[in-house]
Each structure stands twice: as C-alpha cells, then as structure tokens.
Amino acid sequence: MSQSAPDPVLSGYRASIDNIDAALIHMLAERFRITKAVGAYKAANALPASDPGREERQIARLRKVAEDAQLDPDFGEKFLRFIIDEVIRHHEQAASK
C-alpha cells in the first residue's frame, strides 16, 4: 500500500482535536486539585464525602449547559457522574486517613 501525502484539512482538524484534548486534561487536573482541597477540608471538619443534593443540582445545571451547547445532555451527565464518582472516592480516601 503506498503512502500518500497527509491531507492538510484532516491534519488541521486533528491538530485542533489534540489541542482540545490537552486542554481538557489540564482542566480536569485543575478541577481535581481543587476537589482534593475540598476533600481535605471535609475530612478535617468531619463532613460527609458526598453531598447528594449538590450533586443533583449540578447534574441538572450542567444538563442545561450541555443542551445550550448542543451537546447530548445524557452524554454530559454520564461524563459528570464519572467525575463526581471519582471525586467522592478521593474524598472517602481522605476521610479514612
């Protein structure tokens, strides 16, 4: 199979996707730095690791943000729930130390 020259349009799209992916990782890292501080605060003050009321309000708020951004709100919710579950796991670990 012969190698053809890279498609400049496809390469441009892929470069944009790569930049967005890197930005997402940096944003997630910053979010987890902040939630780590929240977890330490909760552990130091004997607060519960999770706050189901806040979580549900956040899900509802971000479903609306997803709709406004023309992103499938079900996907947005799944993504956020994955992040929330990971944060709670970290908070539970902080509380058990």
PDB file of N, CA and C in Angstrom:
ATOM      1  N   MET A   1       0.843  -1.185   0.000  1.00  0.00           N
ATOM      2  CA  MET A   1       0.000   0.000   0.000  1.00  0.00           C
ATOM      3  C   MET A   1       0.888   1.248   0.000  1.00  0.00           C
ATOM      4  N   SER A   2       0.652   2.146  -0.897  1.00  0.00           N
ATOM      5  CA  SER A   2       1.505   3.323  -0.994  1.00  0.00           C
ATOM      6  C   SER A   2       1.060   4.393  -0.009  1.00  0.00           C
ATOM      7  N   GLN A   3       2.027   5.143   0.452  1.00  0.00           N
ATOM      8  CA  GLN A   3       1.771   6.249   1.375  1.00  0.00           C
ATOM      9  C   GLN A   3       1.461   7.499   0.562  1.00  0.00           C
ATOM     10  N   SER A   4       0.358   8.115   0.824  1.00  0.00           N
ATOM     11  CA  SER A   4       0.043   9.362   0.146  1.00  0.00           C
ATOM     12  C   SER A   4       0.385  10.522   1.070  1.00  0.00           C
ATOM     13  N   ALA A   5       0.440  11.697   0.513  1.00  0.00           N
ATOM     14  CA  ALA A   5       0.736  12.892   1.302  1.00  0.00           C
ATOM     15  C   ALA A   5      -0.376  13.106   2.320  1.00  0.00           C
ATOM     16  N   PRO A   6      -0.012  13.596   3.514  1.00  0.00           N
ATOM     17  CA  PRO A   6      -1.046  13.856   4.522  1.00  0.00           C
ATOM     18  C   PRO A   6      -2.084  14.856   4.013  1.00  0.00           C
ATOM     19  N   ASP A   7      -3.297  14.614   4.357  1.00  0.00           N
ATOM     20  CA  ASP A   7      -4.393  15.506   3.985  1.00  0.00           C
ATOM     21  C   ASP A   7      -4.323  16.730   4.905  1.00  0.00           C
ATOM     22  N   PRO A   8      -4.076  17.921   4.366  1.00  0.00           N
ATOM     23  CA  PRO A   8      -3.910  19.095   5.224  1.00  0.00           C
ATOM     24  C   PRO A   8      -5.186  19.478   5.979  1.00  0.00           C
ATOM     25  N   VAL A   9      -6.328  19.235   5.404  1.00  0.00           N
ATOM     26  CA  VAL A   9      -7.584  19.568   6.092  1.00  0.00           C
ATOM     27  C   VAL A   9      -7.766  18.633   7.282  1.00  0.00           C
ATOM     28  N   LEU A  10      -7.597  17.329   7.050  1.00  0.00           N
ATOM     29  CA  LEU A  10      -7.718  16.351   8.132  1.00  0.00           C
ATOM     30  C   LEU A  10      -6.665  16.599   9.201  1.00  0.00           C
ATOM     31  N   SER A  11      -5.445  16.926   8.778  1.00  0.00           N
ATOM     32  CA  SER A  11      -4.373  17.218   9.740  1.00  0.00           C
ATOM     33  C   SER A  11      -4.728  18.422  10.607  1.00  0.00           C
ATOM     34  N   GLY A  12      -5.342  19.427  10.003  1.00  0.00           N
ATOM     35  CA  GLY A  12      -5.761  20.608  10.760  1.00  0.00           C
ATOM     36  C   GLY A  12      -6.828  20.276  11.791  1.00  0.00           C
ATOM     37  N   TYR A  13      -7.816  19.470  11.376  1.00  0.00           N
ATOM     38  CA  TYR A  13      -8.849  19.048  12.329  1.00  0.00           C
ATOM     39  C   TYR A  13      -8.221  18.267  13.477  1.00  0.00           C
ATOM     40  N   ARG A  14      -7.324  17.344  13.135  1.00  0.00           N
ATOM     41  CA  ARG A  14      -6.702  16.504  14.170  1.00  0.00           C
ATOM     42  C   ARG A  14      -5.853  17.331  15.118  1.00  0.00           C
ATOM     43  N   ALA A  15      -5.167  18.339  14.596  1.00  0.00           N
ATOM     44  CA  ALA A  15      -4.378  19.214  15.468  1.00  0.00           C
ATOM     45  C   ALA A  15      -5.296  19.958  16.437  1.00  0.00           C
ATOM     46  N   SER A  16      -6.443  20.410  15.959  1.00  0.00           N
ATOM     47  CA  SER A  16      -7.408  21.083  16.838  1.00  0.00           C
ATOM     48  C   SER A  16      -7.929  20.126  17.907  1.00  0.00           C
ATOM     49  N   ILE A  17      -8.242  18.906  17.504  1.00  0.00           N
ATOM     50  CA  ILE A  17      -8.709  17.907  18.470  1.00  0.00           C
ATOM     51  C   ILE A  17      -7.636  17.640  19.516  1.00  0.00           C
ATOM     52  N   ASP A  18      -6.388  17.513  19.084  1.00  0.00           N
ATOM     53  CA  ASP A  18      -5.281  17.275  20.027  1.00  0.00           C
ATOM     54  C   ASP A  18      -5.166  18.422  21.028  1.00  0.00           C
ATOM     55  N   ASN A  19      -5.304  19.654  20.555  1.00  0.00           N
ATOM     56  CA  ASN A  19      -5.239  20.813  21.456  1.00  0.00           C
ATOM     57  C   ASN A  19      -6.394  20.804  22.454  1.00  0.00           C
ATOM     58  N   ILE A  20      -7.580  20.479  21.979  1.00  0.00           N
ATOM     59  CA  ILE A  20      -8.746  20.426  22.866  1.00  0.00           C
ATOM     60  C   ILE A  20      -8.572  19.327  23.902  1.00  0.00           C
ATOM     61  N   ASP A  21      -8.088  18.154  23.474  1.00  0.00           N
ATOM     62  CA  ASP A  21      -7.850  17.055  24.415  1.00  0.00           C
ATOM     63  C   ASP A  21      -6.855  17.461  25.499  1.00  0.00           C
ATOM     64  N   ALA A  22      -5.786  18.139  25.116  1.00  0.00           N
ATOM     65  CA  ALA A  22      -4.799  18.595  26.095  1.00  0.00           C
ATOM     66  C   ALA A  22      -5.430  19.599  27.064  1.00  0.00           C
ATOM     67  N   ALA A  23      -6.248  20.504  26.538  1.00  0.00           N
ATOM     68  CA  ALA A  23      -6.924  21.483  27.396  1.00  0.00           C
ATOM     69  C   ALA A  23      -7.864  20.786  28.373  1.00  0.00           C
ATOM     70  N   LEU A  24      -8.590  19.769  27.907  1.00  0.00           N
ATOM     71  CA  LEU A  24      -9.476  19.013  28.796  1.00  0.00           C
ATOM     72  C   LEU A  24      -8.694  18.368  29.940  1.00  0.00           C
ATOM     73  N   ILE A  25      -7.552  17.780  29.621  1.00  0.00           N
ATOM     74  CA  ILE A  25      -6.738  17.136  30.658  1.00  0.00           C
ATOM     75  C   ILE A  25      -6.259  18.169  31.677  1.00  0.00           C
ATOM     76  N   HIS A  26      -5.803  19.317  31.199  1.00  0.00           N
ATOM     77  CA  HIS A  26      -5.348  20.369  32.119  1.00  0.00           C
ATOM     78  C   HIS A  26      -6.497  20.879  32.988  1.00  0.00           C
ATOM     79  N   MET A  27      -7.676  21.027  32.394  1.00  0.00           N
ATOM     80  CA  MET A  27      -8.836  21.485  33.162  1.00  0.00           C
ATOM     81  C   MET A  27      -9.245  20.450  34.205  1.00  0.00           C
ATOM     82  N   LEU A  28      -9.225  19.175  33.822  1.00  0.00           N
ATOM     83  CA  LEU A  28      -9.550  18.121  34.789  1.00  0.00           C
ATOM     84  C   LEU A  28      -8.529  18.089  35.923  1.00  0.00           C
ATOM     85  N   ALA A  29      -7.264  18.260  35.582  1.00  0.00           N
ATOM     86  CA  ALA A  29      -6.224  18.270  36.615  1.00  0.00           C
ATOM     87  C   ALA A  29      -6.468  19.410  37.605  1.00  0.00           C
ATOM     88  N   GLU A  30      -6.805  20.580  37.089  1.00  0.00           N
ATOM     89  CA  GLU A  30      -7.088  21.718  37.972  1.00  0.00           C
ATOM     90  C   GLU A  30      -8.335  21.447  38.815  1.00  0.00           C
ATOM     91  N   ARG A  31      -9.343  20.877  38.207  1.00  0.00           N
ATOM     92  CA  ARG A  31     -10.572  20.555  38.948  1.00  0.00           C
ATOM     93  C   ARG A  31     -10.270  19.594  40.083  1.00  0.00           C
ATOM     94  N   PHE A  32      -9.445  18.579  39.817  1.00  0.00           N
ATOM     95  CA  PHE A  32      -9.117  17.609  40.860  1.00  0.00           C
ATOM     96  C   PHE A  32      -8.204  18.202  41.921  1.00  0.00           C
ATOM     97  N   ARG A  33      -7.359  19.173  41.579  1.00  0.00           N
ATOM     98  CA  ARG A  33      -6.569  19.859  42.620  1.00  0.00           C
ATOM     99  C   ARG A  33      -7.514  20.563  43.592  1.00  0.00           C
ATOM    100  N   ILE A  34      -8.545  21.207  43.055  1.00  0.00           N
ATOM    101  CA  ILE A  34      -9.497  21.928  43.907  1.00  0.00           C
ATOM    102  C   ILE A  34     -10.337  20.948  44.719  1.00  0.00           C
ATOM    103  N   THR A  35     -10.825  19.879  44.078  1.00  0.00           N
ATOM    104  CA  THR A  35     -11.652  18.930  44.827  1.00  0.00           C
ATOM    105  C   THR A  35     -10.829  18.174  45.868  1.00  0.00           C
ATOM    106  N   LYS A  36      -9.528  18.050  45.639  1.00  0.00           N
ATOM    107  CA  LYS A  36      -8.666  17.441  46.669  1.00  0.00           C
ATOM    108  C   LYS A  36      -8.649  18.332  47.913  1.00  0.00           C
ATOM    109  N   ALA A  37      -8.570  19.638  47.701  1.00  0.00           N
ATOM    110  CA  ALA A  37      -8.614  20.579  48.826  1.00  0.00           C
ATOM    111  C   ALA A  37      -9.969  20.507  49.529  1.00  0.00           C
ATOM    112  N   VAL A  38     -11.044  20.375  48.749  1.00  0.00           N
ATOM    113  CA  VAL A  38     -12.378  20.216  49.339  1.00  0.00           C
ATOM    114  C   VAL A  38     -12.421  18.948  50.187  1.00  0.00           C
ATOM    115  N   GLY A  39     -11.869  17.855  49.674  1.00  0.00           N
ATOM    116  CA  GLY A  39     -11.850  16.596  50.412  1.00  0.00           C
ATOM    117  C   GLY A  39     -11.085  16.717  51.716  1.00  0.00           C
ATOM    118  N   ALA A  40      -9.946  17.395  51.677  1.00  0.00           N
ATOM    119  CA  ALA A  40      -9.165  17.595  52.901  1.00  0.00           C
ATOM    120  C   ALA A  40      -9.949  18.439  53.901  1.00  0.00           C
ATOM    121  N   TYR A  41     -10.629  19.458  53.411  1.00  0.00           N
ATOM    122  CA  TYR A  41     -11.441  20.311  54.285  1.00  0.00           C
ATOM    123  C   TYR A  41     -12.579  19.508  54.915  1.00  0.00           C
ATOM    124  N   LYS A  42     -13.248  18.706  54.085  1.00  0.00           N
ATOM    125  CA  LYS A  42     -14.346  17.889  54.601  1.00  0.00           C
ATOM    126  C   LYS A  42     -13.844  16.905  55.645  1.00  0.00           C
ATOM    127  N   ALA A  43     -12.713  16.272  55.377  1.00  0.00           N
ATOM    128  CA  ALA A  43     -12.158  15.302  56.330  1.00  0.00           C
ATOM    129  C   ALA A  43     -11.783  15.991  57.636  1.00  0.00           C
ATOM    130  N   ALA A  44     -11.169  17.160  57.554  1.00  0.00           N
ATOM    131  CA  ALA A  44     -10.748  17.889  58.756  1.00  0.00           C
ATOM    132  C   ALA A  44     -11.929  18.375  59.572  1.00  0.00           C
ATOM    133  N   ASN A  45     -13.074  18.557  58.921  1.00  0.00           N
ATOM    134  CA  ASN A  45     -14.254  19.089  59.605  1.00  0.00           C
ATOM    135  C   ASN A  45     -15.358  18.048  59.771  1.00  0.00           C
ATOM    136  N   ALA A  46     -14.999  16.777  59.593  1.00  0.00           N
ATOM    137  CA  ALA A  46     -15.930  15.653  59.760  1.00  0.00           C
ATOM    138  C   ALA A  46     -17.210  15.834  58.938  1.00  0.00           C
ATOM    139  N   LEU A  47     -17.058  16.332  57.719  1.00  0.00           N
ATOM    140  CA  LEU A  47     -18.193  16.487  56.812  1.00  0.00           C
ATOM    141  C   LEU A  47     -18.290  15.254  55.920  1.00  0.00           C
ATOM    142  N   PRO A  48     -19.474  14.912  55.466  1.00  0.00           N
ATOM    143  CA  PRO A  48     -19.612  13.725  54.607  1.00  0.00           C
ATOM    144  C   PRO A  48     -18.873  13.899  53.278  1.00  0.00           C
ATOM    145  N   ALA A  49     -18.404  12.775  52.737  1.00  0.00           N
ATOM    146  CA  ALA A  49     -17.645  12.795  51.484  1.00  0.00           C
ATOM    147  C   ALA A  49     -18.502  13.242  50.307  1.00  0.00           C
ATOM    148  N   SER A  50     -19.786  12.939  50.351  1.00  0.00           N
ATOM    149  CA  SER A  50     -20.650  13.319  49.233  1.00  0.00           C
ATOM    150  C   SER A  50     -21.774  14.225  49.723  1.00  0.00           C
ATOM    151  N   ASP A  51     -22.316  14.955  48.775  1.00  0.00           N
ATOM    152  CA  ASP A  51     -23.443  15.856  49.033  1.00  0.00           C
ATOM    153  C   ASP A  51     -24.452  15.603  47.910  1.00  0.00           C
ATOM    154  N   PRO A  52     -25.320  14.592  48.094  1.00  0.00           N
ATOM    155  CA  PRO A  52     -26.245  14.215  47.013  1.00  0.00           C
ATOM    156  C   PRO A  52     -27.098  15.366  46.492  1.00  0.00           C
ATOM    157  N   GLY A  53     -27.509  16.267  47.341  1.00  0.00           N
ATOM    158  CA  GLY A  53     -28.315  17.406  46.882  1.00  0.00           C
ATOM    159  C   GLY A  53     -27.543  18.291  45.919  1.00  0.00           C
ATOM    160  N   ARG A  54     -26.308  18.621  46.287  1.00  0.00           N
ATOM    161  CA  ARG A  54     -25.473  19.443  45.395  1.00  0.00           C
ATOM    162  C   ARG A  54     -25.196  18.695  44.096  1.00  0.00           C
ATOM    163  N   GLU A  55     -24.921  17.413  44.207  1.00  0.00           N
ATOM    164  CA  GLU A  55     -24.626  16.629  43.008  1.00  0.00           C
ATOM    165  C   GLU A  55     -25.801  16.670  42.031  1.00  0.00           C
ATOM    166  N   GLU A  56     -27.007  16.501  42.534  1.00  0.00           N
ATOM    167  CA  GLU A  56     -28.185  16.524  41.663  1.00  0.00           C
ATOM    168  C   GLU A  56     -28.419  17.911  41.066  1.00  0.00           C
ATOM    169  N   ARG A  57     -28.170  18.957  41.868  1.00  0.00           N
ATOM    170  CA  ARG A  57     -28.304  20.327  41.328  1.00  0.00           C
ATOM    171  C   ARG A  57     -27.267  20.565  40.226  1.00  0.00           C
ATOM    172  N   GLN A  58     -26.062  20.077  40.432  1.00  0.00           N
ATOM    173  CA  GLN A  58     -25.011  20.231  39.421  1.00  0.00           C
ATOM    174  C   GLN A  58     -25.366  19.475  38.143  1.00  0.00           C
ATOM    175  N   ILE A  59     -25.869  18.258  38.303  1.00  0.00           N
ATOM    176  CA  ILE A  59     -26.259  17.463  37.134  1.00  0.00           C
ATOM    177  C   ILE A  59     -27.328  18.218  36.340  1.00  0.00           C
ATOM    178  N   ALA A  60     -28.340  18.714  37.034  1.00  0.00           N
ATOM    179  CA  ALA A  60     -29.422  19.436  36.350  1.00  0.00           C
ATOM    180  C   ALA A  60     -28.885  20.685  35.666  1.00  0.00           C
ATOM    181  N   ARG A  61     -28.034  21.433  36.354  1.00  0.00           N
ATOM    182  CA  ARG A  61     -27.473  22.666  35.790  1.00  0.00           C
ATOM    183  C   ARG A  61     -26.635  22.361  34.552  1.00  0.00           C
ATOM    184  N   LEU A  62     -25.810  21.329  34.652  1.00  0.00           N
ATOM    185  CA  LEU A  62     -24.913  21.029  33.538  1.00  0.00           C
ATOM    186  C   LEU A  62     -25.610  20.314  32.388  1.00  0.00           C
ATOM    187  N   ARG A  63     -26.727  19.652  32.660  1.00  0.00           N
ATOM    188  CA  ARG A  63     -27.536  19.128  31.556  1.00  0.00           C
ATOM    189  C   ARG A  63     -28.051  20.305  30.719  1.00  0.00           C
ATOM    190  N   LYS A  64     -28.462  21.368  31.388  1.00  0.00           N
ATOM    191  CA  LYS A  64     -28.936  22.570  30.688  1.00  0.00           C
ATOM    192  C   LYS A  64     -27.798  23.209  29.902  1.00  0.00           C
ATOM    193  N   VAL A  65     -26.624  23.289  30.515  1.00  0.00           N
ATOM    194  CA  VAL A  65     -25.458  23.840  29.811  1.00  0.00           C
ATOM    195  C   VAL A  65     -25.165  23.001  28.568  1.00  0.00           C
ATOM    196  N   ALA A  66     -25.237  21.685  28.698  1.00  0.00           N
ATOM    197  CA  ALA A  66     -24.997  20.796  27.555  1.00  0.00           C
ATOM    198  C   ALA A  66     -26.017  21.057  26.454  1.00  0.00           C
ATOM    199  N   GLU A  67     -27.274  21.153  26.829  1.00  0.00           N
ATOM    200  CA  GLU A  67     -28.314  21.437  25.826  1.00  0.00           C
ATOM    201  C   GLU A  67     -28.027  22.745  25.102  1.00  0.00           C
ATOM    202  N   ASP A  68     -27.689  23.782  25.874  1.00  0.00           N
ATOM    203  CA  ASP A  68     -27.401  25.089  25.281  1.00  0.00           C
ATOM    204  C   ASP A  68     -26.194  25.033  24.352  1.00  0.00           C
ATOM    205  N   ALA A  69     -25.255  24.127  24.661  1.00  0.00           N
ATOM    206  CA  ALA A  69     -24.046  23.978  23.844  1.00  0.00           C
ATOM    207  C   ALA A  69     -24.242  22.983  22.698  1.00  0.00           C
ATOM    208  N   GLN A  70     -25.454  22.485  22.564  1.00  0.00           N
ATOM    209  CA  GLN A  70     -25.791  21.487  21.536  1.00  0.00           C
ATOM    210  C   GLN A  70     -24.983  20.204  21.704  1.00  0.00           C
ATOM    211  N   LEU A  71     -24.799  19.818  22.979  1.00  0.00           N
ATOM    212  CA  LEU A  71     -24.167  18.547  23.336  1.00  0.00           C
ATOM    213  C   LEU A  71     -25.253  17.665  23.939  1.00  0.00           C
ATOM    214  N   ASP A  72     -25.223  16.403  23.637  1.00  0.00           N
ATOM    215  CA  ASP A  72     -26.205  15.466  24.187  1.00  0.00           C
ATOM    216  C   ASP A  72     -26.165  15.535  25.713  1.00  0.00           C
ATOM    217  N   PRO A  73     -27.260  15.969  26.362  1.00  0.00           N
ATOM    218  CA  PRO A  73     -27.255  16.099  27.816  1.00  0.00           C
ATOM    219  C   PRO A  73     -27.038  14.768  28.534  1.00  0.00           C
ATOM    220  N   ASP A  74     -27.450  13.647  27.920  1.00  0.00           N
ATOM    221  CA  ASP A  74     -27.191  12.348  28.531  1.00  0.00           C
ATOM    222  C   ASP A  74     -25.697  12.066  28.581  1.00  0.00           C
ATOM    223  N   PHE A  75     -24.998  12.404  27.496  1.00  0.00           N
ATOM    224  CA  PHE A  75     -23.542  12.250  27.489  1.00  0.00           C
ATOM    225  C   PHE A  75     -22.918  13.151  28.546  1.00  0.00           C
ATOM    226  N   GLY A  76     -23.343  14.417  28.595  1.00  0.00           N
ATOM    227  CA  GLY A  76     -22.819  15.350  29.590  1.00  0.00           C
ATOM    228  C   GLY A  76     -23.022  14.832  31.002  1.00  0.00           C
ATOM    229  N   GLU A  77     -24.197  14.269  31.260  1.00  0.00           N
ATOM    230  CA  GLU A  77     -24.471  13.732  32.594  1.00  0.00           C
ATOM    231  C   GLU A  77     -23.576  12.535  32.904  1.00  0.00           C
ATOM    232  N   LYS A  78     -23.419  11.634  31.960  1.00  0.00           N
ATOM    233  CA  LYS A  78     -22.548  10.472  32.180  1.00  0.00           C
ATOM    234  C   LYS A  78     -21.125  10.916  32.492  1.00  0.00           C
ATOM    235  N   PHE A  79     -20.648  11.888  31.731  1.00  0.00           N
ATOM    236  CA  PHE A  79     -19.300  12.407  31.928  1.00  0.00           C
ATOM    237  C   PHE A  79     -19.173  13.023  33.318  1.00  0.00           C
ATOM    238  N   LEU A  80     -20.144  13.854  33.701  1.00  0.00           N
ATOM    239  CA  LEU A  80     -20.095  14.497  35.012  1.00  0.00           C
ATOM    240  C   LEU A  80     -20.235  13.481  36.132  1.00  0.00           C
ATOM    241  N   ARG A  81     -21.108  12.508  35.991  1.00  0.00           N
ATOM    242  CA  ARG A  81     -21.259  11.484  37.036  1.00  0.00           C
ATOM    243  C   ARG A  81     -19.968  10.701  37.223  1.00  0.00           C
ATOM    244  N   PHE A  82     -19.264  10.424  36.129  1.00  0.00           N
ATOM    245  CA  PHE A  82     -17.976   9.742  36.239  1.00  0.00           C
ATOM    246  C   PHE A  82     -17.006  10.575  37.078  1.00  0.00           C
ATOM    247  N   ILE A  83     -16.958  11.873  36.807  1.00  0.00           N
ATOM    248  CA  ILE A  83     -16.072  12.770  37.555  1.00  0.00           C
ATOM    249  C   ILE A  83     -16.501  12.846  39.016  1.00  0.00           C
ATOM    250  N   ILE A  84     -17.796  13.010  39.268  1.00  0.00           N
ATOM    251  CA  ILE A  84     -18.305  13.099  40.646  1.00  0.00           C
ATOM    252  C   ILE A  84     -17.965  11.824  41.414  1.00  0.00           C
ATOM    253  N   ASP A  85     -18.173  10.674  40.803  1.00  0.00           N
ATOM    254  CA  ASP A  85     -17.861   9.404  41.480  1.00  0.00           C
ATOM    255  C   ASP A  85     -16.387   9.318  41.846  1.00  0.00           C
ATOM    256  N   GLU A  86     -15.539   9.787  40.970  1.00  0.00           N
ATOM    257  CA  GLU A  86     -14.095   9.770  41.250  1.00  0.00           C
ATOM    258  C   GLU A  86     -13.754  10.738  42.374  1.00  0.00           C
ATOM    259  N   VAL A  87     -14.359  11.911  42.381  1.00  0.00           N
ATOM    260  CA  VAL A  87     -14.133  12.883  43.457  1.00  0.00           C
ATOM    261  C   VAL A  87     -14.583  12.301  44.791  1.00  0.00           C
ATOM    262  N   ILE A  88     -15.756  11.682  44.829  1.00  0.00           N
ATOM    263  CA  ILE A  88     -16.260  11.091  46.076  1.00  0.00           C
ATOM    264  C   ILE A  88     -15.299  10.014  46.568  1.00  0.00           C
ATOM    265  N   ARG A  89     -14.785   9.194  45.644  1.00  0.00           N
ATOM    266  CA  ARG A  89     -13.822   8.157  46.020  1.00  0.00           C
ATOM    267  C   ARG A  89     -12.596   8.794  46.675  1.00  0.00           C
ATOM    268  N   HIS A  90     -12.110   9.887  46.109  1.00  0.00           N
ATOM    269  CA  HIS A  90     -10.965  10.591  46.696  1.00  0.00           C
ATOM    270  C   HIS A  90     -11.318  11.159  48.070  1.00  0.00           C
ATOM    271  N   HIS A  91     -12.516  11.707  48.208  1.00  0.00           N
ATOM    272  CA  HIS A  91     -12.939  12.271  49.497  1.00  0.00           C
ATOM    273  C   HIS A  91     -13.049  11.177  50.544  1.00  0.00           C
ATOM    274  N   GLU A  92     -13.560  10.026  50.156  1.00  0.00           N
ATOM    275  CA  GLU A  92     -13.655   8.908  51.108  1.00  0.00           C
ATOM    276  C   GLU A  92     -12.279   8.448  51.540  1.00  0.00           C
ATOM    277  N   GLN A  93     -11.322   8.435  50.624  1.00  0.00           N
ATOM    278  CA  GLN A  93      -9.955   8.063  50.973  1.00  0.00           C
ATOM    279  C   GLN A  93      -9.363   9.077  51.940  1.00  0.00           C
ATOM    280  N   ALA A  94      -9.609  10.377  51.701  1.00  0.00           N
ATOM    281  CA  ALA A  94      -9.091  11.417  52.583  1.00  0.00           C
ATOM    282  C   ALA A  94      -9.694  11.283  53.978  1.00  0.00           C
ATOM    283  N   ALA A  95     -10.977  10.931  54.040  1.00  0.00           N
ATOM    284  CA  ALA A  95     -11.659  10.803  55.335  1.00  0.00           C
ATOM    285  C   ALA A  95     -11.154   9.610  56.114  1.00  0.00           C
ATOM    286  N   SER A  96     -10.661   8.589  55.428  1.00  0.00           N
ATOM    287  CA  SER A  96     -10.220   7.381  56.125  1.00  0.00           C
ATOM    288  C   SER A  96      -8.761   7.443  56.584  1.00  0.00           C
ATOM    289  N   LYS A  97      -8.083   8.535  56.261  1.00  0.00           N
ATOM    290  CA  LYS A  97      -6.675   8.682  56.672  1.00  0.00           C
ATOM    291  C   LYS A  97      -6.565   9.232  58.050  1.00  0.00           C
TER     292      LYS A  97
END
